[in-house]
ModelCIF file with pLDDT and N, C-alpha, C, O atoms, coordinates in Angstrom:
data_MODEL
#
_entry.id   MODEL 
#
_entity.id                         1 
_entity.type                       polymer 
_entity.pdbx_number_of_molecules   1 
#
_entity_poly.entity_id                      1 
_entity_poly.type                           'polypeptide(L)' 
_entity_poly.nstd_linkage                   no 
_entity_poly.nstd_monomer                   no 
_entity_poly.pdbx_seq_one_letter_code       EEKFGWKTYIPKFAYTTDNAAMIAMVGTLKYDHKIFTENTTKSVAK 
_entity_poly.pdbx_seq_one_letter_code_can   EEKFGWKTYIPKFAYTTDNAAMIAMVGTLKYDHKIFTENTTKSVAK 
_entity_poly.pdbx_strand_id                 A 
#
loop_
_entity_poly_seq.entity_id 
_entity_poly_seq.num 
_entity_poly_seq.mon_id 
_entity_poly_seq.hetero 
1 1  GLU n 
1 2  GLU n 
1 3  LYS n 
1 4  PHE n 
1 5  GLY n 
1 6  TRP n 
1 7  LYS n 
1 8  THR n 
1 9  TYR n 
1 10 ILE n 
1 11 PRO n 
1 12 LYS n 
1 13 PHE n 
1 14 ALA n 
1 15 TYR n 
1 16 THR n 
1 17 THR n 
1 18 ASP n 
1 19 ASN n 
1 20 ALA n 
1 21 ALA n 
1 22 MET n 
1 23 ILE n 
1 24 ALA n 
1 25 MET n 
1 26 VAL n 
1 27 GLY n 
1 28 THR n 
1 29 LEU n 
1 30 LYS n 
1 31 TYR n 
1 32 ASP n 
1 33 HIS n 
1 34 LYS n 
1 35 ILE n 
1 36 PHE n 
1 37 THR n 
1 38 GLU n 
1 39 ASN n 
1 40 THR n 
1 41 THR n 
1 42 LYS n 
1 43 SER n 
1 44 VAL n 
1 45 ALA n 
1 46 LYS n 
#
_struct_asym.id          A 
_struct_asym.entity_id   1 
#
loop_
_ma_qa_metric.id 
_ma_qa_metric.mode 
_ma_qa_metric.name 
_ma_qa_metric.software_group_id 
_ma_qa_metric.type 
1 global pLDDT . pLDDT 
2 local  pLDDT . pLDDT 
#
_ma_qa_metric_global.metric_id      1 
_ma_qa_metric_global.metric_value   94.52 
_ma_qa_metric_global.model_id       1 
_ma_qa_metric_global.ordinal_id     1 
#
loop_
_ma_qa_metric_local.label_asym_id 
_ma_qa_metric_local.label_comp_id 
_ma_qa_metric_local.label_seq_id 
_ma_qa_metric_local.metric_id 
_ma_qa_metric_local.metric_value 
_ma_qa_metric_local.model_id 
_ma_qa_metric_local.ordinal_id 
A GLU 1  2 92.00 1 1  
A GLU 2  2 92.00 1 2  
A LYS 3  2 92.00 1 3  
A PHE 4  2 91.00 1 4  
A GLY 5  2 92.00 1 5  
A TRP 6  2 94.00 1 6  
A LYS 7  2 96.00 1 7  
A THR 8  2 95.00 1 8  
A TYR 9  2 96.00 1 9  
A ILE 10 2 91.00 1 10 
A PRO 11 2 93.00 1 11 
A LYS 12 2 91.00 1 12 
A PHE 13 2 89.00 1 13 
A ALA 14 2 89.00 1 14 
A TYR 15 2 94.00 1 15 
A THR 16 2 90.00 1 16 
A THR 17 2 85.00 1 17 
A ASP 18 2 87.00 1 18 
A ASN 19 2 93.00 1 19 
A ALA 20 2 97.00 1 20 
A ALA 21 2 98.00 1 21 
A MET 22 2 97.00 1 22 
A ILE 23 2 98.00 1 23 
A ALA 24 2 98.00 1 24 
A MET 25 2 98.00 1 25 
A VAL 26 2 98.00 1 26 
A GLY 27 2 98.00 1 27 
A THR 28 2 98.00 1 28 
A LEU 29 2 98.00 1 29 
A LYS 30 2 98.00 1 30 
A TYR 31 2 98.00 1 31 
A ASP 32 2 96.00 1 32 
A HIS 33 2 96.00 1 33 
A LYS 34 2 97.00 1 34 
A ILE 35 2 98.00 1 35 
A PHE 36 2 98.00 1 36 
A THR 37 2 97.00 1 37 
A GLU 38 2 96.00 1 38 
A ASN 39 2 94.00 1 39 
A THR 40 2 95.00 1 40 
A THR 41 2 96.00 1 41 
A LYS 42 2 96.00 1 42 
A SER 43 2 95.00 1 43 
A VAL 44 2 96.00 1 44 
A ALA 45 2 92.00 1 45 
A LYS 46 2 90.00 1 46 
#
loop_
_atom_site.group_PDB 
_atom_site.id 
_atom_site.type_symbol 
_atom_site.label_atom_id 
_atom_site.label_alt_id 
_atom_site.label_comp_id 
_atom_site.label_asym_id 
_atom_site.label_entity_id 
_atom_site.label_seq_id 
_atom_site.pdbx_PDB_ins_code 
_atom_site.Cartn_x 
_atom_site.Cartn_y 
_atom_site.Cartn_z 
_atom_site.occupancy 
_atom_site.B_iso_or_equiv 
_atom_site.pdbx_formal_charge 
_atom_site.auth_seq_id 
_atom_site.auth_comp_id 
_atom_site.auth_asym_id 
_atom_site.auth_atom_id 
_atom_site.pdbx_PDB_model_num 
ATOM 1   N N  . GLU A 1 1  ? -13.195 12.402  -15.704 1.00 92.00 ? 1  GLU A N  1 
ATOM 2   C CA . GLU A 1 1  ? -13.209 13.580  -14.890 1.00 92.00 ? 1  GLU A CA 1 
ATOM 3   C C  . GLU A 1 1  ? -14.110 14.704  -15.552 1.00 92.00 ? 1  GLU A C  1 
ATOM 4   O O  . GLU A 1 1  ? -14.939 15.352  -14.912 1.00 92.00 ? 1  GLU A O  1 
ATOM 5   N N  . GLU A 1 2  ? -13.862 14.860  -16.866 1.00 92.00 ? 2  GLU A N  1 
ATOM 6   C CA . GLU A 1 2  ? -14.662 15.835  -17.595 1.00 92.00 ? 2  GLU A CA 1 
ATOM 7   C C  . GLU A 1 2  ? -16.051 15.355  -18.076 1.00 92.00 ? 2  GLU A C  1 
ATOM 8   O O  . GLU A 1 2  ? -17.008 16.121  -18.193 1.00 92.00 ? 2  GLU A O  1 
ATOM 9   N N  . LYS A 1 3  ? -16.090 14.127  -18.326 1.00 92.00 ? 3  LYS A N  1 
ATOM 10  C CA . LYS A 1 3  ? -17.410 13.412  -18.920 1.00 92.00 ? 3  LYS A CA 1 
ATOM 11  C C  . LYS A 1 3  ? -18.277 13.189  -17.676 1.00 92.00 ? 3  LYS A C  1 
ATOM 12  O O  . LYS A 1 3  ? -19.472 13.472  -17.754 1.00 92.00 ? 3  LYS A O  1 
ATOM 13  N N  . PHE A 1 4  ? -17.792 12.727  -16.587 1.00 91.00 ? 4  PHE A N  1 
ATOM 14  C CA . PHE A 1 4  ? -18.711 12.221  -15.535 1.00 91.00 ? 4  PHE A CA 1 
ATOM 15  C C  . PHE A 1 4  ? -18.580 13.052  -14.182 1.00 91.00 ? 4  PHE A C  1 
ATOM 16  O O  . PHE A 1 4  ? -19.409 12.951  -13.277 1.00 91.00 ? 4  PHE A O  1 
ATOM 17  N N  . GLY A 1 5  ? -17.520 13.841  -14.129 1.00 92.00 ? 5  GLY A N  1 
ATOM 18  C CA . GLY A 1 5  ? -17.323 14.676  -12.973 1.00 92.00 ? 5  GLY A CA 1 
ATOM 19  C C  . GLY A 1 5  ? -16.696 13.974  -11.779 1.00 92.00 ? 5  GLY A C  1 
ATOM 20  O O  . GLY A 1 5  ? -16.838 14.432  -10.645 1.00 92.00 ? 5  GLY A O  1 
ATOM 21  N N  . TRP A 1 6  ? -15.986 12.840  -12.029 1.00 94.00 ? 6  TRP A N  1 
ATOM 22  C CA . TRP A 1 6  ? -15.365 12.250  -10.861 1.00 94.00 ? 6  TRP A CA 1 
ATOM 23  C C  . TRP A 1 6  ? -13.867 12.774  -10.843 1.00 94.00 ? 6  TRP A C  1 
ATOM 24  O O  . TRP A 1 6  ? -13.344 13.400  -11.766 1.00 94.00 ? 6  TRP A O  1 
ATOM 25  N N  . LYS A 1 7  ? -13.279 12.431  -9.685  1.00 96.00 ? 7  LYS A N  1 
ATOM 26  C CA . LYS A 1 7  ? -11.829 12.943  -9.462  1.00 96.00 ? 7  LYS A CA 1 
ATOM 27  C C  . LYS A 1 7  ? -11.048 11.684  -9.482  1.00 96.00 ? 7  LYS A C  1 
ATOM 28  O O  . LYS A 1 7  ? -11.403 10.699  -8.835  1.00 96.00 ? 7  LYS A O  1 
ATOM 29  N N  . THR A 1 8  ? -9.937  11.713  -10.258 1.00 95.00 ? 8  THR A N  1 
ATOM 30  C CA . THR A 1 8  ? -9.164  10.553  -10.451 1.00 95.00 ? 8  THR A CA 1 
ATOM 31  C C  . THR A 1 8  ? -7.747  10.718  -9.810  1.00 95.00 ? 8  THR A C  1 
ATOM 32  O O  . THR A 1 8  ? -7.176  11.805  -9.897  1.00 95.00 ? 8  THR A O  1 
ATOM 33  N N  . TYR A 1 9  ? -7.181  9.681   -9.180  1.00 96.00 ? 9  TYR A N  1 
ATOM 34  C CA . TYR A 1 9  ? -5.811  9.626   -8.558  1.00 96.00 ? 9  TYR A CA 1 
ATOM 35  C C  . TYR A 1 9  ? -5.074  8.504   -9.218  1.00 96.00 ? 9  TYR A C  1 
ATOM 36  O O  . TYR A 1 9  ? -5.409  7.324   -9.117  1.00 96.00 ? 9  TYR A O  1 
ATOM 37  N N  . ILE A 1 10 ? -4.059  8.941   -9.893  1.00 91.00 ? 10 ILE A N  1 
ATOM 38  C CA . ILE A 1 10 ? -3.214  7.991   -10.701 1.00 91.00 ? 10 ILE A CA 1 
ATOM 39  C C  . ILE A 1 10 ? -1.782  8.046   -10.207 1.00 91.00 ? 10 ILE A C  1 
ATOM 40  O O  . ILE A 1 10 ? -1.112  9.048   -10.457 1.00 91.00 ? 10 ILE A O  1 
ATOM 41  N N  . PRO A 1 11 ? -1.313  7.121   -9.582  1.00 93.00 ? 11 PRO A N  1 
ATOM 42  C CA . PRO A 1 11 ? 0.100   7.156   -9.015  1.00 93.00 ? 11 PRO A CA 1 
ATOM 43  C C  . PRO A 1 11 ? 1.108   6.953   -10.194 1.00 93.00 ? 11 PRO A C  1 
ATOM 44  O O  . PRO A 1 11 ? 0.777   6.384   -11.234 1.00 93.00 ? 11 PRO A O  1 
ATOM 45  N N  . LYS A 1 12 ? 2.304   7.431   -9.978  1.00 91.00 ? 12 LYS A N  1 
ATOM 46  C CA . LYS A 1 12 ? 3.372   7.273   -11.090 1.00 91.00 ? 12 LYS A CA 1 
ATOM 47  C C  . LYS A 1 12 ? 3.695   5.800   -11.355 1.00 91.00 ? 12 LYS A C  1 
ATOM 48  O O  . LYS A 1 12 ? 3.443   4.953   -10.498 1.00 91.00 ? 12 LYS A O  1 
ATOM 49  N N  . PHE A 1 13 ? 4.214   5.505   -12.455 1.00 89.00 ? 13 PHE A N  1 
ATOM 50  C CA . PHE A 1 13 ? 4.430   4.166   -12.828 1.00 89.00 ? 13 PHE A CA 1 
ATOM 51  C C  . PHE A 1 13 ? 5.235   3.285   -11.871 1.00 89.00 ? 13 PHE A C  1 
ATOM 52  O O  . PHE A 1 13 ? 4.920   2.114   -11.658 1.00 89.00 ? 13 PHE A O  1 
ATOM 53  N N  . ALA A 1 14 ? 6.321   3.908   -11.281 1.00 89.00 ? 14 ALA A N  1 
ATOM 54  C CA . ALA A 1 14 ? 7.150   3.105   -10.298 1.00 89.00 ? 14 ALA A CA 1 
ATOM 55  C C  . ALA A 1 14 ? 6.439   2.540   -9.166  1.00 89.00 ? 14 ALA A C  1 
ATOM 56  O O  . ALA A 1 14 ? 6.919   1.595   -8.540  1.00 89.00 ? 14 ALA A O  1 
ATOM 57  N N  . TYR A 1 15 ? 5.224   3.109   -8.840  1.00 94.00 ? 15 TYR A N  1 
ATOM 58  C CA . TYR A 1 15 ? 4.422   2.653   -7.760  1.00 94.00 ? 15 TYR A CA 1 
ATOM 59  C C  . TYR A 1 15 ? 3.261   1.782   -8.057  1.00 94.00 ? 15 TYR A C  1 
ATOM 60  O O  . TYR A 1 15 ? 2.461   1.420   -7.194  1.00 94.00 ? 15 TYR A O  1 
ATOM 61  N N  . THR A 1 16 ? 3.196   1.449   -9.351  1.00 90.00 ? 16 THR A N  1 
ATOM 62  C CA . THR A 1 16 ? 1.995   0.512   -9.710  1.00 90.00 ? 16 THR A CA 1 
ATOM 63  C C  . THR A 1 16 ? 2.457   -0.908  -9.901  1.00 90.00 ? 16 THR A C  1 
ATOM 64  O O  . THR A 1 16 ? 1.742   -1.818  -9.481  1.00 90.00 ? 16 THR A O  1 
ATOM 65  N N  . THR A 1 17 ? 3.609   -1.170  -10.509 1.00 85.00 ? 17 THR A N  1 
ATOM 66  C CA . THR A 1 17 ? 3.920   -2.612  -10.516 1.00 85.00 ? 17 THR A CA 1 
ATOM 67  C C  . THR A 1 17 ? 4.430   -2.976  -9.210  1.00 85.00 ? 17 THR A C  1 
ATOM 68  O O  . THR A 1 17 ? 4.667   -2.130  -8.348  1.00 85.00 ? 17 THR A O  1 
ATOM 69  N N  . ASP A 1 18 ? 4.611   -4.273  -9.043  1.00 87.00 ? 18 ASP A N  1 
ATOM 70  C CA . ASP A 1 18 ? 5.060   -4.820  -7.692  1.00 87.00 ? 18 ASP A CA 1 
ATOM 71  C C  . ASP A 1 18 ? 6.430   -4.162  -7.213  1.00 87.00 ? 18 ASP A C  1 
ATOM 72  O O  . ASP A 1 18 ? 7.449   -4.276  -7.895  1.00 87.00 ? 18 ASP A O  1 
ATOM 73  N N  . ASN A 1 19 ? 6.407   -3.545  -6.142  1.00 93.00 ? 19 ASN A N  1 
ATOM 74  C CA . ASN A 1 19 ? 7.623   -2.782  -5.706  1.00 93.00 ? 19 ASN A CA 1 
ATOM 75  C C  . ASN A 1 19 ? 7.506   -2.787  -4.105  1.00 93.00 ? 19 ASN A C  1 
ATOM 76  O O  . ASN A 1 19 ? 6.489   -3.128  -3.501  1.00 93.00 ? 19 ASN A O  1 
ATOM 77  N N  . ALA A 1 20 ? 8.590   -2.397  -3.563  1.00 97.00 ? 20 ALA A N  1 
ATOM 78  C CA . ALA A 1 20 ? 8.699   -2.454  -2.025  1.00 97.00 ? 20 ALA A CA 1 
ATOM 79  C C  . ALA A 1 20 ? 8.252   -1.051  -1.538  1.00 97.00 ? 20 ALA A C  1 
ATOM 80  O O  . ALA A 1 20 ? 7.931   -0.927  -0.356  1.00 97.00 ? 20 ALA A O  1 
ATOM 81  N N  . ALA A 1 21 ? 8.216   -0.051  -2.329  1.00 98.00 ? 21 ALA A N  1 
ATOM 82  C CA . ALA A 1 21 ? 7.881   1.276   -1.803  1.00 98.00 ? 21 ALA A CA 1 
ATOM 83  C C  . ALA A 1 21 ? 6.386   1.183   -1.245  1.00 98.00 ? 21 ALA A C  1 
ATOM 84  O O  . ALA A 1 21 ? 6.088   1.698   -0.167  1.00 98.00 ? 21 ALA A O  1 
ATOM 85  N N  . MET A 1 22 ? 5.501   0.524   -2.008  1.00 97.00 ? 22 MET A N  1 
ATOM 86  C CA . MET A 1 22 ? 4.120   0.488   -1.479  1.00 97.00 ? 22 MET A CA 1 
ATOM 87  C C  . MET A 1 22 ? 4.041   -0.357  -0.221  1.00 97.00 ? 22 MET A C  1 
ATOM 88  O O  . MET A 1 22 ? 3.222   -0.047  0.644   1.00 97.00 ? 22 MET A O  1 
ATOM 89  N N  . ILE A 1 23 ? 4.818   -1.379  -0.067  1.00 98.00 ? 23 ILE A N  1 
ATOM 90  C CA . ILE A 1 23 ? 4.993   -2.078  1.240   1.00 98.00 ? 23 ILE A CA 1 
ATOM 91  C C  . ILE A 1 23 ? 5.491   -1.164  2.310   1.00 98.00 ? 23 ILE A C  1 
ATOM 92  O O  . ILE A 1 23 ? 5.060   -1.210  3.462   1.00 98.00 ? 23 ILE A O  1 
ATOM 93  N N  . ALA A 1 24 ? 6.389   -0.351  1.912   1.00 98.00 ? 24 ALA A N  1 
ATOM 94  C CA . ALA A 1 24 ? 6.959   0.575   2.909   1.00 98.00 ? 24 ALA A CA 1 
ATOM 95  C C  . ALA A 1 24 ? 5.935   1.563   3.418   1.00 98.00 ? 24 ALA A C  1 
ATOM 96  O O  . ALA A 1 24 ? 5.913   1.915   4.598   1.00 98.00 ? 24 ALA A O  1 
ATOM 97  N N  . MET A 1 25 ? 5.051   2.023   2.464   1.00 98.00 ? 25 MET A N  1 
ATOM 98  C CA . MET A 1 25 ? 4.018   3.008   2.803   1.00 98.00 ? 25 MET A CA 1 
ATOM 99  C C  . MET A 1 25 ? 3.048   2.439   3.956   1.00 98.00 ? 25 MET A C  1 
ATOM 100 O O  . MET A 1 25 ? 2.736   3.125   4.929   1.00 98.00 ? 25 MET A O  1 
ATOM 101 N N  . VAL A 1 26 ? 2.628   1.199   3.767   1.00 98.00 ? 26 VAL A N  1 
ATOM 102 C CA . VAL A 1 26 ? 1.827   0.518   4.721   1.00 98.00 ? 26 VAL A CA 1 
ATOM 103 C C  . VAL A 1 26 ? 2.633   0.372   6.046   1.00 98.00 ? 26 VAL A C  1 
ATOM 104 O O  . VAL A 1 26 ? 2.122   0.586   7.145   1.00 98.00 ? 26 VAL A O  1 
ATOM 105 N N  . GLY A 1 27 ? 3.885   0.005   5.872   1.00 98.00 ? 27 GLY A N  1 
ATOM 106 C CA . GLY A 1 27 ? 4.749   -0.179  7.076   1.00 98.00 ? 27 GLY A CA 1 
ATOM 107 C C  . GLY A 1 27 ? 4.851   1.080   7.931   1.00 98.00 ? 27 GLY A C  1 
ATOM 108 O O  . GLY A 1 27 ? 4.789   0.979   9.157   1.00 98.00 ? 27 GLY A O  1 
ATOM 109 N N  . THR A 1 28 ? 5.008   2.284   7.322   1.00 98.00 ? 28 THR A N  1 
ATOM 110 C CA . THR A 1 28 ? 5.080   3.435   8.049   1.00 98.00 ? 28 THR A CA 1 
ATOM 111 C C  . THR A 1 28 ? 3.759   3.789   8.703   1.00 98.00 ? 28 THR A C  1 
ATOM 112 O O  . THR A 1 28 ? 3.748   4.317   9.815   1.00 98.00 ? 28 THR A O  1 
ATOM 113 N N  . LEU A 1 29 ? 2.666   3.517   8.054   1.00 98.00 ? 29 LEU A N  1 
ATOM 114 C CA . LEU A 1 29 ? 1.266   3.754   8.659   1.00 98.00 ? 29 LEU A CA 1 
ATOM 115 C C  . LEU A 1 29 ? 1.116   2.879   9.886   1.00 98.00 ? 29 LEU A C  1 
ATOM 116 O O  . LEU A 1 29 ? 0.714   3.373   10.939  1.00 98.00 ? 29 LEU A O  1 
ATOM 117 N N  . LYS A 1 30 ? 1.427   1.594   9.785   1.00 98.00 ? 30 LYS A N  1 
ATOM 118 C CA . LYS A 1 30 ? 1.354   0.507   10.818  1.00 98.00 ? 30 LYS A CA 1 
ATOM 119 C C  . LYS A 1 30 ? 2.249   0.921   11.968  1.00 98.00 ? 30 LYS A C  1 
ATOM 120 O O  . LYS A 1 30 ? 1.867   0.831   13.135  1.00 98.00 ? 30 LYS A O  1 
ATOM 121 N N  . TYR A 1 31 ? 3.473   1.388   11.617  1.00 98.00 ? 31 TYR A N  1 
ATOM 122 C CA . TYR A 1 31 ? 4.452   1.775   12.753  1.00 98.00 ? 31 TYR A CA 1 
ATOM 123 C C  . TYR A 1 31 ? 3.932   2.910   13.450  1.00 98.00 ? 31 TYR A C  1 
ATOM 124 O O  . TYR A 1 31 ? 4.152   2.989   14.659  1.00 98.00 ? 31 TYR A O  1 
ATOM 125 N N  . ASP A 1 32 ? 3.213   3.885   12.815  1.00 96.00 ? 32 ASP A N  1 
ATOM 126 C CA . ASP A 1 32 ? 2.781   5.062   13.471  1.00 96.00 ? 32 ASP A CA 1 
ATOM 127 C C  . ASP A 1 32 ? 1.584   4.650   14.512  1.00 96.00 ? 32 ASP A C  1 
ATOM 128 O O  . ASP A 1 32 ? 1.366   5.229   15.576  1.00 96.00 ? 32 ASP A O  1 
ATOM 129 N N  . HIS A 1 33 ? 0.905   3.616   14.032  1.00 96.00 ? 33 HIS A N  1 
ATOM 130 C CA . HIS A 1 33 ? -0.264  3.175   14.897  1.00 96.00 ? 33 HIS A CA 1 
ATOM 131 C C  . HIS A 1 33 ? 0.206   1.950   15.841  1.00 96.00 ? 33 HIS A C  1 
ATOM 132 O O  . HIS A 1 33 ? -0.605  1.369   16.562  1.00 96.00 ? 33 HIS A O  1 
ATOM 133 N N  . LYS A 1 34 ? 1.467   1.628   15.789  1.00 97.00 ? 34 LYS A N  1 
ATOM 134 C CA . LYS A 1 34 ? 2.112   0.573   16.550  1.00 97.00 ? 34 LYS A CA 1 
ATOM 135 C C  . LYS A 1 34 ? 1.372   -0.817  16.335  1.00 97.00 ? 34 LYS A C  1 
ATOM 136 O O  . LYS A 1 34 ? 1.021   -1.527  17.277  1.00 97.00 ? 34 LYS A O  1 
ATOM 137 N N  . ILE A 1 35 ? 1.182   -1.116  15.061  1.00 98.00 ? 35 ILE A N  1 
ATOM 138 C CA . ILE A 1 35 ? 0.483   -2.290  14.657  1.00 98.00 ? 35 ILE A CA 1 
ATOM 139 C C  . ILE A 1 35 ? 1.629   -3.303  14.100  1.00 98.00 ? 35 ILE A C  1 
ATOM 140 O O  . ILE A 1 35 ? 1.982   -3.295  12.921  1.00 98.00 ? 35 ILE A O  1 
ATOM 141 N N  . PHE A 1 36 ? 2.160   -4.160  15.068  1.00 98.00 ? 36 PHE A N  1 
ATOM 142 C CA . PHE A 1 36 ? 3.190   -4.992  14.782  1.00 98.00 ? 36 PHE A CA 1 
ATOM 143 C C  . PHE A 1 36 ? 2.768   -6.445  14.704  1.00 98.00 ? 36 PHE A C  1 
ATOM 144 O O  . PHE A 1 36 ? 1.637   -6.779  15.056  1.00 98.00 ? 36 PHE A O  1 
ATOM 145 N N  . THR A 1 37 ? 3.658   -7.315  14.250  1.00 97.00 ? 37 THR A N  1 
ATOM 146 C CA . THR A 1 37 ? 3.292   -8.722  14.199  1.00 97.00 ? 37 THR A CA 1 
ATOM 147 C C  . THR A 1 37 ? 4.340   -9.529  14.891  1.00 97.00 ? 37 THR A C  1 
ATOM 148 O O  . THR A 1 37 ? 5.449   -9.074  15.169  1.00 97.00 ? 37 THR A O  1 
ATOM 149 N N  . GLU A 1 38 ? 3.936   -10.781 15.167  1.00 96.00 ? 38 GLU A N  1 
ATOM 150 C CA . GLU A 1 38 ? 4.850   -11.780 15.800  1.00 96.00 ? 38 GLU A CA 1 
ATOM 151 C C  . GLU A 1 38 ? 5.819   -12.457 14.717  1.00 96.00 ? 38 GLU A C  1 
ATOM 152 O O  . GLU A 1 38 ? 5.531   -12.572 13.525  1.00 96.00 ? 38 GLU A O  1 
ATOM 153 N N  . ASN A 1 39 ? 6.943   -12.863 15.280  1.00 94.00 ? 39 ASN A N  1 
ATOM 154 C CA . ASN A 1 39 ? 7.832   -13.628 14.422  1.00 94.00 ? 39 ASN A CA 1 
ATOM 155 C C  . ASN A 1 39 ? 7.333   -14.899 13.901  1.00 94.00 ? 39 ASN A C  1 
ATOM 156 O O  . ASN A 1 39 ? 7.820   -15.437 12.907  1.00 94.00 ? 39 ASN A O  1 
ATOM 157 N N  . THR A 1 40 ? 6.257   -15.427 14.648  1.00 95.00 ? 40 THR A N  1 
ATOM 158 C CA . THR A 1 40 ? 5.689   -16.659 14.222  1.00 95.00 ? 40 THR A CA 1 
ATOM 159 C C  . THR A 1 40 ? 4.564   -16.575 13.177  1.00 95.00 ? 40 THR A C  1 
ATOM 160 O O  . THR A 1 40 ? 4.007   -17.588 12.756  1.00 95.00 ? 40 THR A O  1 
ATOM 161 N N  . THR A 1 41 ? 4.258   -15.369 12.785  1.00 96.00 ? 41 THR A N  1 
ATOM 162 C CA . THR A 1 41 ? 3.162   -15.170 11.708  1.00 96.00 ? 41 THR A CA 1 
ATOM 163 C C  . THR A 1 41 ? 3.546   -15.949 10.446  1.00 96.00 ? 41 THR A C  1 
ATOM 164 O O  . THR A 1 41 ? 4.683   -15.899 9.977   1.00 96.00 ? 41 THR A O  1 
ATOM 165 N N  . LYS A 1 42 ? 2.657   -16.594 9.973   1.00 96.00 ? 42 LYS A N  1 
ATOM 166 C CA . LYS A 1 42 ? 2.871   -17.356 8.670   1.00 96.00 ? 42 LYS A CA 1 
ATOM 167 C C  . LYS A 1 42 ? 2.516   -16.596 7.403   1.00 96.00 ? 42 LYS A C  1 
ATOM 168 O O  . LYS A 1 42 ? 1.603   -15.770 7.394   1.00 96.00 ? 42 LYS A O  1 
ATOM 169 N N  . SER A 1 43 ? 3.207   -16.871 6.395   1.00 95.00 ? 43 SER A N  1 
ATOM 170 C CA . SER A 1 43 ? 2.884   -16.204 5.106   1.00 95.00 ? 43 SER A CA 1 
ATOM 171 C C  . SER A 1 43 ? 1.719   -17.079 4.537   1.00 95.00 ? 43 SER A C  1 
ATOM 172 O O  . SER A 1 43 ? 1.608   -18.286 4.755   1.00 95.00 ? 43 SER A O  1 
ATOM 173 N N  . VAL A 1 44 ? 0.873   -16.333 3.791   1.00 96.00 ? 44 VAL A N  1 
ATOM 174 C CA . VAL A 1 44 ? -0.316  -16.910 3.203   1.00 96.00 ? 44 VAL A CA 1 
ATOM 175 C C  . VAL A 1 44 ? -0.447  -16.580 1.741   1.00 96.00 ? 44 VAL A C  1 
ATOM 176 O O  . VAL A 1 44 ? -0.290  -15.426 1.340   1.00 96.00 ? 44 VAL A O  1 
ATOM 177 N N  . ALA A 1 45 ? -0.742  -17.613 0.918   1.00 92.00 ? 45 ALA A N  1 
ATOM 178 C CA . ALA A 1 45 ? -0.844  -17.345 -0.516  1.00 92.00 ? 45 ALA A CA 1 
ATOM 179 C C  . ALA A 1 45 ? -2.118  -16.590 -0.848  1.00 92.00 ? 45 ALA A C  1 
ATOM 180 O O  . ALA A 1 45 ? -2.122  -15.786 -1.781  1.00 92.00 ? 45 ALA A O  1 
ATOM 181 N N  . LYS A 1 46 ? -3.196  -16.821 -0.119  1.00 90.00 ? 46 LYS A N  1 
ATOM 182 C CA . LYS A 1 46 ? -4.493  -16.118 -0.333  1.00 90.00 ? 46 LYS A CA 1 
ATOM 183 C C  . LYS A 1 46 ? -4.766  -15.325 1.011   1.00 90.00 ? 46 LYS A C  1 
ATOM 184 O O  . LYS A 1 46 ? -5.783  -14.641 1.129   1.00 90.00 ? 46 LYS A O  1 
#
């Protein structure tokens, strides 16, 4: 930030490792936009 003039955004530790809060954040954004999925949607490794 001081050396190159960029702005940095660093989330607190609880939201960096795998956690459900980050899934919830996307969930609430999609809910607001009514982006839902079917019960037949398959999980994908990639």
